[in-house]
Amino acid sequence: MSYISLEKIEDWNKILEQSHEKPVLVFKHSTRCSVSAEAHEAWLHWIEKSKGEAVDTAMVRVVEERPVSNAIEEQLGVKHASPQAILVRGGKAEWHTSHWNITETALVDNVR
C-alpha cells in the first residue's frame, strides 16, 4: 500500500498542484489520538482495497508536521480537525469529513 507522506510545505504544494491532474485524498492523522488511530486503520484498508486507482493518497501527521497541516487548512479553507480526510481536486477541497465519520464505507462512497 502506498501513500505520500507530507513532511514539508513543499510536499504539500506539489500534491496540491498534482490535484489538477489527478485527485488526491489527504488524511490528517494525530499520532496521539485513539479516534485517529481507528480512522487511520480504515483509511489504510481503503487504500489496500482500492489500490489507489482513482486518486492519489497522502498523509500528514498533524503533531509532527504542524506547519504542513496549517498550510492545508489555510489553502483549502477547510477548518482543521484530526483525524480528517479531504478530497482535493483541481486545487480545491471537493469533500471532507472527520473523526468517526472516516470509515471505509464513507471513503468508498465519496472518493472517486
PDB file of N, CA and C in Angstrom:
ATOM      1  N   MET A   1       0.853  -1.165   0.000  1.00  0.00           N
ATOM      2  CA  MET A   1       0.000   0.000   0.000  1.00  0.00           C
ATOM      3  C   MET A   1       0.893   1.220   0.000  1.00  0.00           C
ATOM      4  N   SER A   2       0.479   2.199  -0.752  1.00  0.00           N
ATOM      5  CA  SER A   2       1.365   3.326  -0.977  1.00  0.00           C
ATOM      6  C   SER A   2       0.632   4.649  -0.790  1.00  0.00           C
ATOM      7  N   TYR A   3       1.294   5.556  -0.100  1.00  0.00           N
ATOM      8  CA  TYR A   3       0.790   6.921   0.024  1.00  0.00           C
ATOM      9  C   TYR A   3       1.983   7.849   0.190  1.00  0.00           C
ATOM     10  N   ILE A   4       1.756   9.109  -0.038  1.00  0.00           N
ATOM     11  CA  ILE A   4       2.802  10.113   0.061  1.00  0.00           C
ATOM     12  C   ILE A   4       2.759  10.723   1.456  1.00  0.00           C
ATOM     13  N   SER A   5       3.908  10.794   2.118  1.00  0.00           N
ATOM     14  CA  SER A   5       3.989  11.452   3.420  1.00  0.00           C
ATOM     15  C   SER A   5       4.274  12.932   3.198  1.00  0.00           C
ATOM     16  N   LEU A   6       3.427  13.769   3.758  1.00  0.00           N
ATOM     17  CA  LEU A   6       3.599  15.211   3.630  1.00  0.00           C
ATOM     18  C   LEU A   6       4.368  15.701   4.849  1.00  0.00           C
ATOM     19  N   GLU A   7       5.663  15.904   4.679  1.00  0.00           N
ATOM     20  CA  GLU A   7       6.519  16.284   5.796  1.00  0.00           C
ATOM     21  C   GLU A   7       6.957  17.743   5.737  1.00  0.00           C
ATOM     22  N   LYS A   8       6.925  18.323   4.532  1.00  0.00           N
ATOM     23  CA  LYS A   8       7.319  19.719   4.349  1.00  0.00           C
ATOM     24  C   LYS A   8       6.239  20.428   3.541  1.00  0.00           C
ATOM     25  N   ILE A   9       6.188  21.724   3.673  1.00  0.00           N
ATOM     26  CA  ILE A   9       5.198  22.509   2.917  1.00  0.00           C
ATOM     27  C   ILE A   9       5.404  22.294   1.419  1.00  0.00           C
ATOM     28  N   GLU A  10       6.646  22.099   0.992  1.00  0.00           N
ATOM     29  CA  GLU A  10       6.920  21.840  -0.430  1.00  0.00           C
ATOM     30  C   GLU A  10       6.235  20.555  -0.892  1.00  0.00           C
ATOM     31  N   ASP A  11       6.193  19.534  -0.009  1.00  0.00           N
ATOM     32  CA  ASP A  11       5.499  18.281  -0.346  1.00  0.00           C
ATOM     33  C   ASP A  11       4.017  18.566  -0.584  1.00  0.00           C
ATOM     34  N   TRP A  12       3.410  19.353   0.304  1.00  0.00           N
ATOM     35  CA  TRP A  12       2.000  19.710   0.172  1.00  0.00           C
ATOM     36  C   TRP A  12       1.762  20.504  -1.106  1.00  0.00           C
ATOM     37  N   ASN A  13       2.609  21.491  -1.393  1.00  0.00           N
ATOM     38  CA  ASN A  13       2.424  22.310  -2.600  1.00  0.00           C
ATOM     39  C   ASN A  13       2.485  21.452  -3.864  1.00  0.00           C
ATOM     40  N   LYS A  14       3.355  20.459  -3.868  1.00  0.00           N
ATOM     41  CA  LYS A  14       3.474  19.556  -5.018  1.00  0.00           C
ATOM     42  C   LYS A  14       2.185  18.743  -5.198  1.00  0.00           C
ATOM     43  N   ILE A  15       1.670  18.202  -4.094  1.00  0.00           N
ATOM     44  CA  ILE A  15       0.427  17.421  -4.142  1.00  0.00           C
ATOM     45  C   ILE A  15      -0.747  18.304  -4.582  1.00  0.00           C
ATOM     46  N   LEU A  16      -0.794  19.512  -4.051  1.00  0.00           N
ATOM     47  CA  LEU A  16      -1.866  20.435  -4.424  1.00  0.00           C
ATOM     48  C   LEU A  16      -1.836  20.703  -5.923  1.00  0.00           C
ATOM     49  N   GLU A  17      -0.662  20.905  -6.471  1.00  0.00           N
ATOM     50  CA  GLU A  17      -0.516  21.130  -7.912  1.00  0.00           C
ATOM     51  C   GLU A  17      -0.910  19.870  -8.698  1.00  0.00           C
ATOM     52  N   GLN A  18      -0.505  18.707  -8.211  1.00  0.00           N
ATOM     53  CA  GLN A  18      -0.828  17.451  -8.893  1.00  0.00           C
ATOM     54  C   GLN A  18      -2.329  17.166  -8.886  1.00  0.00           C
ATOM     55  N   SER A  19      -3.053  17.761  -7.937  1.00  0.00           N
ATOM     56  CA  SER A  19      -4.504  17.518  -7.866  1.00  0.00           C
ATOM     57  C   SER A  19      -5.242  18.070  -9.075  1.00  0.00           C
ATOM     58  N   HIS A  20      -4.562  18.873  -9.883  1.00  0.00           N
ATOM     59  CA  HIS A  20      -5.166  19.353 -11.131  1.00  0.00           C
ATOM     60  C   HIS A  20      -5.155  18.248 -12.187  1.00  0.00           C
ATOM     61  N   GLU A  21      -4.257  17.279 -12.034  1.00  0.00           N
ATOM     62  CA  GLU A  21      -4.163  16.149 -12.963  1.00  0.00           C
ATOM     63  C   GLU A  21      -4.926  14.922 -12.457  1.00  0.00           C
ATOM     64  N   LYS A  22      -4.808  14.660 -11.158  1.00  0.00           N
ATOM     65  CA  LYS A  22      -5.459  13.502 -10.549  1.00  0.00           C
ATOM     66  C   LYS A  22      -5.841  13.891  -9.122  1.00  0.00           C
ATOM     67  N   PRO A  23      -7.075  13.605  -8.700  1.00  0.00           N
ATOM     68  CA  PRO A  23      -7.475  13.964  -7.335  1.00  0.00           C
ATOM     69  C   PRO A  23      -6.600  13.271  -6.295  1.00  0.00           C
ATOM     70  N   VAL A  24      -6.543  13.881  -5.121  1.00  0.00           N
ATOM     71  CA  VAL A  24      -5.758  13.305  -4.028  1.00  0.00           C
ATOM     72  C   VAL A  24      -6.597  13.318  -2.749  1.00  0.00           C
ATOM     73  N   LEU A  25      -6.538  12.228  -2.023  1.00  0.00           N
ATOM     74  CA  LEU A  25      -7.188  12.152  -0.725  1.00  0.00           C
ATOM     75  C   LEU A  25      -6.118  12.354   0.333  1.00  0.00           C
ATOM     76  N   VAL A  26      -6.266  13.441   1.096  1.00  0.00           N
ATOM     77  CA  VAL A  26      -5.319  13.766   2.158  1.00  0.00           C
ATOM     78  C   VAL A  26      -5.909  13.300   3.487  1.00  0.00           C
ATOM     79  N   PHE A  27      -5.106  12.579   4.235  1.00  0.00           N
ATOM     80  CA  PHE A  27      -5.516  12.134   5.566  1.00  0.00           C
ATOM     81  C   PHE A  27      -4.682  12.874   6.593  1.00  0.00           C
ATOM     82  N   LYS A  28      -5.345  13.624   7.476  1.00  0.00           N
ATOM     83  CA  LYS A  28      -4.674  14.315   8.577  1.00  0.00           C
ATOM     84  C   LYS A  28      -4.779  13.412   9.806  1.00  0.00           C
ATOM     85  N   HIS A  29      -3.617  12.986  10.297  1.00  0.00           N
ATOM     86  CA  HIS A  29      -3.552  11.966  11.342  1.00  0.00           C
ATOM     87  C   HIS A  29      -2.868  12.489  12.595  1.00  0.00           C
ATOM     88  N   SER A  30      -3.509  12.314  13.730  1.00  0.00           N
ATOM     89  CA  SER A  30      -2.885  12.611  15.011  1.00  0.00           C
ATOM     90  C   SER A  30      -2.378  11.308  15.605  1.00  0.00           C
ATOM     91  N   THR A  31      -1.070  11.237  15.790  1.00  0.00           N
ATOM     92  CA  THR A  31      -0.468  10.026  16.344  1.00  0.00           C
ATOM     93  C   THR A  31      -0.719   9.900  17.838  1.00  0.00           C
ATOM     94  N   ARG A  32      -1.417  10.874  18.428  1.00  0.00           N
ATOM     95  CA  ARG A  32      -1.703  10.858  19.866  1.00  0.00           C
ATOM     96  C   ARG A  32      -3.179  10.636  20.181  1.00  0.00           C
ATOM     97  N   CYS A  33      -3.953  10.214  19.208  1.00  0.00           N
ATOM     98  CA  CYS A  33      -5.408  10.152  19.386  1.00  0.00           C
ATOM     99  C   CYS A  33      -5.941   8.777  18.987  1.00  0.00           C
ATOM    100  N   SER A  34      -6.718   8.158  19.870  1.00  0.00           N
ATOM    101  CA  SER A  34      -7.263   6.831  19.568  1.00  0.00           C
ATOM    102  C   SER A  34      -8.301   6.884  18.457  1.00  0.00           C
ATOM    103  N   VAL A  35      -9.069   7.958  18.362  1.00  0.00           N
ATOM    104  CA  VAL A  35     -10.041   8.104  17.270  1.00  0.00           C
ATOM    105  C   VAL A  35      -9.288   8.161  15.945  1.00  0.00           C
ATOM    106  N   SER A  36      -8.191   8.901  15.920  1.00  0.00           N
ATOM    107  CA  SER A  36      -7.388   8.998  14.708  1.00  0.00           C
ATOM    108  C   SER A  36      -6.776   7.647  14.348  1.00  0.00           C
ATOM    109  N   ALA A  37      -6.382   6.880  15.342  1.00  0.00           N
ATOM    110  CA  ALA A  37      -5.824   5.548  15.080  1.00  0.00           C
ATOM    111  C   ALA A  37      -6.853   4.656  14.377  1.00  0.00           C
ATOM    112  N   GLU A  38      -8.107   4.720  14.817  1.00  0.00           N
ATOM    113  CA  GLU A  38      -9.169   3.931  14.171  1.00  0.00           C
ATOM    114  C   GLU A  38      -9.417   4.410  12.742  1.00  0.00           C
ATOM    115  N   ALA A  39      -9.471   5.724  12.551  1.00  0.00           N
ATOM    116  CA  ALA A  39      -9.691   6.277  11.212  1.00  0.00           C
ATOM    117  C   ALA A  39      -8.516   5.935  10.301  1.00  0.00           C
ATOM    118  N   HIS A  40      -7.302   5.951  10.848  1.00  0.00           N
ATOM    119  CA  HIS A  40      -6.111   5.601  10.081  1.00  0.00           C
ATOM    120  C   HIS A  40      -6.196   4.169   9.573  1.00  0.00           C
ATOM    121  N   GLU A  41      -6.654   3.261  10.425  1.00  0.00           N
ATOM    122  CA  GLU A  41      -6.836   1.862  10.010  1.00  0.00           C
ATOM    123  C   GLU A  41      -7.853   1.757   8.877  1.00  0.00           C
ATOM    124  N   ALA A  42      -8.968   2.468   8.995  1.00  0.00           N
ATOM    125  CA  ALA A  42      -9.993   2.456   7.936  1.00  0.00           C
ATOM    126  C   ALA A  42      -9.414   2.995   6.640  1.00  0.00           C
ATOM    127  N   TRP A  43      -8.643   4.077   6.726  1.00  0.00           N
ATOM    128  CA  TRP A  43      -8.018   4.688   5.552  1.00  0.00           C
ATOM    129  C   TRP A  43      -7.039   3.719   4.894  1.00  0.00           C
ATOM    130  N   LEU A  44      -6.211   3.045   5.706  1.00  0.00           N
ATOM    131  CA  LEU A  44      -5.255   2.087   5.162  1.00  0.00           C
ATOM    132  C   LEU A  44      -5.962   0.901   4.495  1.00  0.00           C
ATOM    133  N   HIS A  45      -7.031   0.409   5.110  1.00  0.00           N
ATOM    134  CA  HIS A  45      -7.804  -0.686   4.489  1.00  0.00           C
ATOM    135  C   HIS A  45      -8.405  -0.228   3.161  1.00  0.00           C
ATOM    136  N   TRP A  46      -8.920   0.992   3.125  1.00  0.00           N
ATOM    137  CA  TRP A  46      -9.497   1.536   1.894  1.00  0.00           C
ATOM    138  C   TRP A  46      -8.430   1.624   0.804  1.00  0.00           C
ATOM    139  N   ILE A  47      -7.232   2.117   1.166  1.00  0.00           N
ATOM    140  CA  ILE A  47      -6.139   2.203   0.182  1.00  0.00           C
ATOM    141  C   ILE A  47      -5.822   0.817  -0.363  1.00  0.00           C
ATOM    142  N   GLU A  48      -5.713  -0.156   0.539  1.00  0.00           N
ATOM    143  CA  GLU A  48      -5.370  -1.518   0.132  1.00  0.00           C
ATOM    144  C   GLU A  48      -6.405  -2.080  -0.842  1.00  0.00           C
ATOM    145  N   LYS A  49      -7.680  -1.853  -0.554  1.00  0.00           N
ATOM    146  CA  LYS A  49      -8.743  -2.397  -1.413  1.00  0.00           C
ATOM    147  C   LYS A  49      -8.881  -1.632  -2.718  1.00  0.00           C
ATOM    148  N   SER A  50      -8.735  -0.305  -2.672  1.00  0.00           N
ATOM    149  CA  SER A  50      -8.938   0.499  -3.882  1.00  0.00           C
ATOM    150  C   SER A  50      -7.697   0.523  -4.763  1.00  0.00           C
ATOM    151  N   LYS A  51      -6.552   0.182  -4.157  1.00  0.00           N
ATOM    152  CA  LYS A  51      -5.269   0.180  -4.857  1.00  0.00           C
ATOM    153  C   LYS A  51      -4.925   1.548  -5.442  1.00  0.00           C
ATOM    154  N   GLY A  52      -5.570   2.605  -4.938  1.00  0.00           N
ATOM    155  CA  GLY A  52      -5.236   3.960  -5.349  1.00  0.00           C
ATOM    156  C   GLY A  52      -5.490   4.257  -6.805  1.00  0.00           C
ATOM    157  N   GLU A  53      -6.390   3.519  -7.422  1.00  0.00           N
ATOM    158  CA  GLU A  53      -6.607   3.700  -8.852  1.00  0.00           C
ATOM    159  C   GLU A  53      -7.246   5.043  -9.200  1.00  0.00           C
ATOM    160  N   ALA A  54      -8.234   5.458  -8.428  1.00  0.00           N
ATOM    161  CA  ALA A  54      -8.973   6.672  -8.776  1.00  0.00           C
ATOM    162  C   ALA A  54      -8.294   7.941  -8.293  1.00  0.00           C
ATOM    163  N   VAL A  55      -7.576   7.841  -7.172  1.00  0.00           N
ATOM    164  CA  VAL A  55      -6.969   9.026  -6.580  1.00  0.00           C
ATOM    165  C   VAL A  55      -5.583   8.699  -6.033  1.00  0.00           C
ATOM    166  N   ASP A  56      -4.781   9.731  -5.875  1.00  0.00           N
ATOM    167  CA  ASP A  56      -3.539   9.587  -5.129  1.00  0.00           C
ATOM    168  C   ASP A  56      -3.882   9.747  -3.654  1.00  0.00           C
ATOM    169  N   THR A  57      -3.003   9.300  -2.783  1.00  0.00           N
ATOM    170  CA  THR A  57      -3.249   9.409  -1.346  1.00  0.00           C
ATOM    171  C   THR A  57      -2.032  10.020  -0.664  1.00  0.00           C
ATOM    172  N   ALA A  58      -2.311  10.828   0.350  1.00  0.00           N
ATOM    173  CA  ALA A  58      -1.235  11.482   1.092  1.00  0.00           C
ATOM    174  C   ALA A  58      -1.647  11.589   2.553  1.00  0.00           C
ATOM    175  N   MET A  59      -0.648  11.609   3.438  1.00  0.00           N
ATOM    176  CA  MET A  59      -0.930  11.723   4.863  1.00  0.00           C
ATOM    177  C   MET A  59      -0.001  12.757   5.482  1.00  0.00           C
ATOM    178  N   VAL A  60      -0.569  13.545   6.386  1.00  0.00           N
ATOM    179  CA  VAL A  60       0.222  14.457   7.203  1.00  0.00           C
ATOM    180  C   VAL A  60      -0.027  14.105   8.667  1.00  0.00           C
ATOM    181  N   ARG A  61       1.045  13.987   9.421  1.00  0.00           N
ATOM    182  CA  ARG A  61       0.932  13.785  10.869  1.00  0.00           C
ATOM    183  C   ARG A  61       0.834  15.179  11.490  1.00  0.00           C
ATOM    184  N   VAL A  62      -0.323  15.485  12.061  1.00  0.00           N
ATOM    185  CA  VAL A  62      -0.624  16.863  12.453  1.00  0.00           C
ATOM    186  C   VAL A  62       0.219  17.385  13.606  1.00  0.00           C
ATOM    187  N   VAL A  63       0.686  16.524  14.482  1.00  0.00           N
ATOM    188  CA  VAL A  63       1.529  16.982  15.594  1.00  0.00           C
ATOM    189  C   VAL A  63       2.954  17.205  15.087  1.00  0.00           C
ATOM    190  N   GLU A  64       3.481  16.225  14.391  1.00  0.00           N
ATOM    191  CA  GLU A  64       4.866  16.273  13.927  1.00  0.00           C
ATOM    192  C   GLU A  64       5.078  17.274  12.789  1.00  0.00           C
ATOM    193  N   GLU A  65       4.091  17.434  11.939  1.00  0.00           N
ATOM    194  CA  GLU A  65       4.228  18.344  10.787  1.00  0.00           C
ATOM    195  C   GLU A  65       3.166  19.447  10.836  1.00  0.00           C
ATOM    196  N   ARG A  66       3.086  20.132  11.973  1.00  0.00           N
ATOM    197  CA  ARG A  66       2.067  21.173  12.160  1.00  0.00           C
ATOM    198  C   ARG A  66       2.073  22.242  11.062  1.00  0.00           C
ATOM    199  N   PRO A  67       3.234  22.748  10.593  1.00  0.00           N
ATOM    200  CA  PRO A  67       3.198  23.760   9.532  1.00  0.00           C
ATOM    201  C   PRO A  67       2.503  23.270   8.258  1.00  0.00           C
ATOM    202  N   VAL A  68       2.698  21.997   7.930  1.00  0.00           N
ATOM    203  CA  VAL A  68       2.040  21.425   6.746  1.00  0.00           C
ATOM    204  C   VAL A  68       0.534  21.358   6.973  1.00  0.00           C
ATOM    205  N   SER A  69       0.135  20.885   8.142  1.00  0.00           N
ATOM    206  CA  SER A  69      -1.287  20.806   8.475  1.00  0.00           C
ATOM    207  C   SER A  69      -1.934  22.188   8.413  1.00  0.00           C
ATOM    208  N   ASN A  70      -1.241  23.186   8.952  1.00  0.00           N
ATOM    209  CA  ASN A  70      -1.765  24.555   8.913  1.00  0.00           C
ATOM    210  C   ASN A  70      -1.886  25.078   7.488  1.00  0.00           C
ATOM    211  N   ALA A  71      -0.893  24.764   6.640  1.00  0.00           N
ATOM    212  CA  ALA A  71      -0.939  25.208   5.241  1.00  0.00           C
ATOM    213  C   ALA A  71      -2.122  24.594   4.506  1.00  0.00           C
ATOM    214  N   ILE A  72      -2.420  23.325   4.789  1.00  0.00           N
ATOM    215  CA  ILE A  72      -3.571  22.666   4.166  1.00  0.00           C
ATOM    216  C   ILE A  72      -4.856  23.389   4.554  1.00  0.00           C
ATOM    217  N   GLU A  73      -5.002  23.685   5.833  1.00  0.00           N
ATOM    218  CA  GLU A  73      -6.190  24.399   6.306  1.00  0.00           C
ATOM    219  C   GLU A  73      -6.318  25.761   5.631  1.00  0.00           C
ATOM    220  N   GLU A  74      -5.232  26.504   5.600  1.00  0.00           N
ATOM    221  CA  GLU A  74      -5.255  27.852   5.026  1.00  0.00           C
ATOM    222  C   GLU A  74      -5.546  27.829   3.531  1.00  0.00           C
ATOM    223  N   GLN A  75      -4.878  26.960   2.794  1.00  0.00           N
ATOM    224  CA  GLN A  75      -5.022  26.957   1.342  1.00  0.00           C
ATOM    225  C   GLN A  75      -6.353  26.387   0.871  1.00  0.00           C
ATOM    226  N   LEU A  76      -6.894  25.422   1.603  1.00  0.00           N
ATOM    227  CA  LEU A  76      -8.159  24.815   1.178  1.00  0.00           C
ATOM    228  C   LEU A  76      -9.369  25.469   1.836  1.00  0.00           C
ATOM    229  N   GLY A  77      -9.158  26.202   2.919  1.00  0.00           N
ATOM    230  CA  GLY A  77     -10.276  26.817   3.629  1.00  0.00           C
ATOM    231  C   GLY A  77     -11.137  25.804   4.359  1.00  0.00           C
ATOM    232  N   VAL A  78     -10.541  24.667   4.728  1.00  0.00           N
ATOM    233  CA  VAL A  78     -11.253  23.629   5.474  1.00  0.00           C
ATOM    234  C   VAL A  78     -10.732  23.665   6.905  1.00  0.00           C
ATOM    235  N   LYS A  79     -11.618  23.996   7.850  1.00  0.00           N
ATOM    236  CA  LYS A  79     -11.224  24.090   9.250  1.00  0.00           C
ATOM    237  C   LYS A  79     -10.582  22.787   9.704  1.00  0.00           C
ATOM    238  N   HIS A  80      -9.438  22.921  10.375  1.00  0.00           N
ATOM    239  CA  HIS A  80      -8.669  21.750  10.811  1.00  0.00           C
ATOM    240  C   HIS A  80      -9.451  20.868  11.785  1.00  0.00           C
ATOM    241  N   ALA A  81      -9.315  19.584  11.582  1.00  0.00           N
ATOM    242  CA  ALA A  81      -9.766  18.568  12.528  1.00  0.00           C
ATOM    243  C   ALA A  81      -8.783  17.412  12.393  1.00  0.00           C
ATOM    244  N   SER A  82      -8.733  16.590  13.404  1.00  0.00           N
ATOM    245  CA  SER A  82      -7.955  15.360  13.246  1.00  0.00           C
ATOM    246  C   SER A  82      -8.605  14.286  14.112  1.00  0.00           C
ATOM    247  N   PRO A  83      -8.814  13.167  13.482  1.00  0.00           N
ATOM    248  CA  PRO A  83      -8.444  12.849  12.108  1.00  0.00           C
ATOM    249  C   PRO A  83      -9.364  13.557  11.119  1.00  0.00           C
ATOM    250  N   GLN A  84      -8.877  13.689   9.913  1.00  0.00           N
ATOM    251  CA  GLN A  84      -9.653  14.355   8.865  1.00  0.00           C
ATOM    252  C   GLN A  84      -9.250  13.791   7.511  1.00  0.00           C
ATOM    253  N   ALA A  85     -10.237  13.601   6.650  1.00  0.00           N
ATOM    254  CA  ALA A  85      -9.996  13.175   5.272  1.00  0.00           C
ATOM    255  C   ALA A  85     -10.507  14.275   4.362  1.00  0.00           C
ATOM    256  N   ILE A  86      -9.672  14.682   3.403  1.00  0.00           N
ATOM    257  CA  ILE A  86     -10.034  15.750   2.478  1.00  0.00           C
ATOM    258  C   ILE A  86      -9.730  15.288   1.059  1.00  0.00           C
ATOM    259  N   LEU A  87     -10.745  15.303   0.206  1.00  0.00           N
ATOM    260  CA  LEU A  87     -10.551  15.000  -1.203  1.00  0.00           C
ATOM    261  C   LEU A  87     -10.276  16.312  -1.931  1.00  0.00           C
ATOM    262  N   VAL A  88      -9.113  16.385  -2.558  1.00  0.00           N
ATOM    263  CA  VAL A  88      -8.692  17.597  -3.251  1.00  0.00           C
ATOM    264  C   VAL A  88      -8.690  17.320  -4.748  1.00  0.00           C
ATOM    265  N   ARG A  89      -9.420  18.143  -5.479  1.00  0.00           N
ATOM    266  CA  ARG A  89      -9.489  18.015  -6.942  1.00  0.00           C
ATOM    267  C   ARG A  89      -9.338  19.417  -7.522  1.00  0.00           C
ATOM    268  N   GLY A  90      -8.411  19.559  -8.443  1.00  0.00           N
ATOM    269  CA  GLY A  90      -8.212  20.861  -9.075  1.00  0.00           C
ATOM    270  C   GLY A  90      -7.820  21.952  -8.091  1.00  0.00           C
ATOM    271  N   GLY A  91      -7.082  21.582  -7.060  1.00  0.00           N
ATOM    272  CA  GLY A  91      -6.610  22.557  -6.094  1.00  0.00           C
ATOM    273  C   GLY A  91      -7.634  23.002  -5.071  1.00  0.00           C
ATOM    274  N   LYS A  92      -8.785  22.361  -5.060  1.00  0.00           N
ATOM    275  CA  LYS A  92      -9.846  22.740  -4.125  1.00  0.00           C
ATOM    276  C   LYS A  92     -10.364  21.519  -3.366  1.00  0.00           C
ATOM    277  N   ALA A  93     -10.848  21.770  -2.163  1.00  0.00           N
ATOM    278  CA  ALA A  93     -11.449  20.692  -1.378  1.00  0.00           C
ATOM    279  C   ALA A  93     -12.820  20.384  -1.958  1.00  0.00           C
ATOM    280  N   GLU A  94     -13.000  19.154  -2.416  1.00  0.00           N
ATOM    281  CA  GLU A  94     -14.271  18.747  -3.011  1.00  0.00           C
ATOM    282  C   GLU A  94     -15.172  18.072  -1.973  1.00  0.00           C
ATOM    283  N   TRP A  95     -14.561  17.378  -1.030  1.00  0.00           N
ATOM    284  CA  TRP A  95     -15.297  16.655   0.010  1.00  0.00           C
ATOM    285  C   TRP A  95     -14.378  16.506   1.205  1.00  0.00           C
ATOM    286  N   HIS A  96     -14.940  16.538   2.400  1.00  0.00           N
ATOM    287  CA  HIS A  96     -14.139  16.275   3.592  1.00  0.00           C
ATOM    288  C   HIS A  96     -15.031  15.775   4.719  1.00  0.00           C
ATOM    289  N   THR A  97     -14.410  15.057   5.626  1.00  0.00           N
ATOM    290  CA  THR A  97     -15.090  14.550   6.807  1.00  0.00           C
ATOM    291  C   THR A  97     -14.054  14.350   7.898  1.00  0.00           C
ATOM    292  N   SER A  98     -14.526  14.083   9.098  1.00  0.00           N
ATOM    293  CA  SER A  98     -13.571  13.926  10.189  1.00  0.00           C
ATOM    294  C   SER A  98     -14.083  12.949  11.246  1.00  0.00           C
ATOM    295  N   HIS A  99     -13.208  12.665  12.170  1.00  0.00           N
ATOM    296  CA  HIS A  99     -13.458  11.845  13.344  1.00  0.00           C
ATOM    297  C   HIS A  99     -14.085  10.488  12.999  1.00  0.00           C
ATOM    298  N   TRP A 100     -15.185  10.138  13.661  1.00  0.00           N
ATOM    299  CA  TRP A 100     -15.794   8.807  13.489  1.00  0.00           C
ATOM    300  C   TRP A 100     -16.454   8.638  12.130  1.00  0.00           C
ATOM    301  N   ASN A 101     -16.569   9.721  11.361  1.00  0.00           N
ATOM    302  CA  ASN A 101     -17.171   9.628  10.025  1.00  0.00           C
ATOM    303  C   ASN A 101     -16.188   9.094   8.982  1.00  0.00           C
ATOM    304  N   ILE A 102     -14.928   8.935   9.357  1.00  0.00           N
ATOM    305  CA  ILE A 102     -13.941   8.373   8.433  1.00  0.00           C
ATOM    306  C   ILE A 102     -14.003   6.857   8.560  1.00  0.00           C
ATOM    307  N   THR A 103     -14.740   6.254   7.650  1.00  0.00           N
ATOM    308  CA  THR A 103     -14.893   4.803   7.612  1.00  0.00           C
ATOM    309  C   THR A 103     -14.598   4.330   6.196  1.00  0.00           C
ATOM    310  N   GLU A 104     -14.339   3.041   6.063  1.00  0.00           N
ATOM    311  CA  GLU A 104     -14.137   2.503   4.711  1.00  0.00           C
ATOM    312  C   GLU A 104     -15.346   2.792   3.830  1.00  0.00           C
ATOM    313  N   THR A 105     -16.540   2.627   4.388  1.00  0.00           N
ATOM    314  CA  THR A 105     -17.761   2.871   3.611  1.00  0.00           C
ATOM    315  C   THR A 105     -17.840   4.306   3.163  1.00  0.00           C
ATOM    316  N   ALA A 106     -17.561   5.252   4.047  1.00  0.00           N
ATOM    317  CA  ALA A 106     -17.600   6.676   3.671  1.00  0.00           C
ATOM    318  C   ALA A 106     -16.588   6.973   2.571  1.00  0.00           C
ATOM    319  N   LEU A 107     -15.414   6.385   2.659  1.00  0.00           N
ATOM    320  CA  LEU A 107     -14.402   6.616   1.643  1.00  0.00           C
ATOM    321  C   LEU A 107     -14.832   6.005   0.305  1.00  0.00           C
ATOM    322  N   VAL A 108     -15.352   4.801   0.333  1.00  0.00           N
ATOM    323  CA  VAL A 108     -15.828   4.160  -0.905  1.00  0.00           C
ATOM    324  C   VAL A 108     -16.925   4.996  -1.545  1.00  0.00           C
ATOM    325  N   ASP A 109     -17.845   5.501  -0.733  1.00  0.00           N
ATOM    326  CA  ASP A 109     -18.991   6.235  -1.241  1.00  0.00           C
ATOM    327  C   ASP A 109     -18.645   7.632  -1.758  1.00  0.00           C
ATOM    328  N   ASN A 110     -17.598   8.256  -1.240  1.00  0.00           N
ATOM    329  CA  ASN A 110     -17.344   9.664  -1.548  1.00  0.00           C
ATOM    330  C   ASN A 110     -16.059   9.963  -2.304  1.00  0.00           C
ATOM    331  N   VAL A 111     -15.151   9.010  -2.384  1.00  0.00           N
ATOM    332  CA  VAL A 111     -13.874   9.270  -3.028  1.00  0.00           C
ATOM    333  C   VAL A 111     -13.825   8.544  -4.365  1.00  0.00           C
ATOM    334  N   ARG A 112     -13.884   9.314  -5.426  1.00  0.00           N
ATOM    335  CA  ARG A 112     -13.867   8.758  -6.792  1.00  0.00           C
ATOM    336  C   ARG A 112     -13.035   9.631  -7.692  1.00  0.00           C
TER     337      ARG A 112
END
